[in-house]
């Protein structure tokens, strides 16, 4: 990970995007590097799916 003041992801960081091997927040900040582009894509997809589920759970309660 890069040097972030706060190492936690926040709702404003989503959706996470994969750019080559980098995982980036919506404002373009790199939060992690994956070993391959395919892995970066998969990680971004899983993080985005989890964030979406959490958001839906908040509204369904």
C-alpha atoms as a PDB file:
ATOM      1  CA  UNK A   1       0.000   0.000   0.000  1.00  0.00           C
ATOM      2  CA  UNK A   2       0.994   3.596  -0.387  1.00  0.00           C
ATOM      3  CA  UNK A   3       1.551   6.049   2.440  1.00  0.00           C
ATOM      4  CA  UNK A   4      -2.000   7.016   3.315  1.00  0.00           C
ATOM      5  CA  UNK A   5      -2.796   8.879   6.513  1.00  0.00           C
ATOM      6  CA  UNK A   6      -5.754   6.576   7.056  1.00  0.00           C
ATOM      7  CA  UNK A   7      -5.231   3.039   5.787  1.00  0.00           C
ATOM      8  CA  UNK A   8      -8.940   2.228   5.742  1.00  0.00           C
ATOM      9  CA  UNK A   9     -11.139   2.420   2.689  1.00  0.00           C
ATOM     10  CA  UNK A  10     -14.150   4.702   2.918  1.00  0.00           C
ATOM     11  CA  UNK A  11     -17.384   4.771   0.922  1.00  0.00           C
ATOM     12  CA  UNK A  12     -16.113   7.793  -1.022  1.00  0.00           C
ATOM     13  CA  UNK A  13     -13.190   5.660  -2.270  1.00  0.00           C
ATOM     14  CA  UNK A  14     -15.530   3.418  -4.292  1.00  0.00           C
ATOM     15  CA  UNK A  15     -15.740   2.171  -6.890  1.00  0.00           C
ATOM     16  CA  UNK A  16     -12.164   0.941  -6.845  1.00  0.00           C
ATOM     17  CA  UNK A  17     -10.628   0.842 -10.312  1.00  0.00           C
ATOM     18  CA  UNK A  18      -7.869  -1.367 -11.676  1.00  0.00           C
ATOM     19  CA  UNK A  19      -5.400   0.473 -13.854  1.00  0.00           C
ATOM     20  CA  UNK A  20      -2.793  -1.956 -15.131  1.00  0.00           C
ATOM     21  CA  UNK A  21      -1.522  -3.577 -11.895  1.00  0.00           C
ATOM     22  CA  UNK A  22      -2.617  -0.665  -9.668  1.00  0.00           C
ATOM     23  CA  UNK A  23      -5.772  -0.427  -7.591  1.00  0.00           C
ATOM     24  CA  UNK A  24      -7.024   3.147  -7.383  1.00  0.00           C
ATOM     25  CA  UNK A  25      -9.743   5.060  -5.589  1.00  0.00           C
ATOM     26  CA  UNK A  26     -12.210   7.293  -7.410  1.00  0.00           C
ATOM     27  CA  UNK A  27      -9.875  10.270  -6.986  1.00  0.00           C
ATOM     28  CA  UNK A  28      -7.013   8.357  -8.625  1.00  0.00           C
ATOM     29  CA  UNK A  29      -5.041   7.596  -5.461  1.00  0.00           C
ATOM     30  CA  UNK A  30      -3.172   4.297  -5.715  1.00  0.00           C
ATOM     31  CA  UNK A  31      -4.051   2.103  -2.745  1.00  0.00           C
ATOM     32  CA  UNK A  32      -2.330  -1.137  -3.738  1.00  0.00           C
ATOM     33  CA  UNK A  33      -0.331  -2.919  -6.413  1.00  0.00           C
ATOM     34  CA  UNK A  34      -1.148  -6.443  -7.596  1.00  0.00           C
ATOM     35  CA  UNK A  35       1.265  -8.904  -9.174  1.00  0.00           C
ATOM     36  CA  UNK A  36      -0.708  -9.055 -12.420  1.00  0.00           C
ATOM     37  CA  UNK A  37      -3.307  -7.011 -14.254  1.00  0.00           C
ATOM     38  CA  UNK A  38      -5.782  -9.889 -14.058  1.00  0.00           C
ATOM     39  CA  UNK A  39      -5.349 -10.077 -10.288  1.00  0.00           C
ATOM     40  CA  UNK A  40      -5.839  -6.300  -9.952  1.00  0.00           C
ATOM     41  CA  UNK A  41      -9.079  -6.561 -11.934  1.00  0.00           C
ATOM     42  CA  UNK A  42     -10.323  -9.399  -9.740  1.00  0.00           C
ATOM     43  CA  UNK A  43      -9.462  -7.612  -6.489  1.00  0.00           C
ATOM     44  CA  UNK A  44     -11.193  -4.420  -7.644  1.00  0.00           C
ATOM     45  CA  UNK A  45     -14.282  -6.369  -8.651  1.00  0.00           C
ATOM     46  CA  UNK A  46     -14.477  -8.162  -5.304  1.00  0.00           C
ATOM     47  CA  UNK A  47     -13.956  -4.981  -3.304  1.00  0.00           C
ATOM     48  CA  UNK A  48     -16.643  -3.192  -5.294  1.00  0.00           C
ATOM     49  CA  UNK A  49     -19.097  -6.081  -4.918  1.00  0.00           C
ATOM     50  CA  UNK A  50     -18.518  -6.180  -1.150  1.00  0.00           C
ATOM     51  CA  UNK A  51     -18.972  -2.419  -0.817  1.00  0.00           C
ATOM     52  CA  UNK A  52     -22.179  -2.607  -2.852  1.00  0.00           C
ATOM     53  CA  UNK A  53     -23.557  -5.401  -0.640  1.00  0.00           C
ATOM     54  CA  UNK A  54     -22.707  -3.451   2.516  1.00  0.00           C
ATOM     55  CA  UNK A  55     -24.437  -0.359   1.135  1.00  0.00           C
ATOM     56  CA  UNK A  56     -27.547  -2.378   0.261  1.00  0.00           C
ATOM     57  CA  UNK A  57     -27.576  -3.958   3.730  1.00  0.00           C
ATOM     58  CA  UNK A  58     -27.636  -0.514   5.340  1.00  0.00           C
ATOM     59  CA  UNK A  59     -30.748   0.412   3.394  1.00  0.00           C
ATOM     60  CA  UNK A  60     -32.552  -2.896   3.887  1.00  0.00           C
ATOM     61  CA  UNK A  61     -32.337  -2.923   7.695  1.00  0.00           C
END
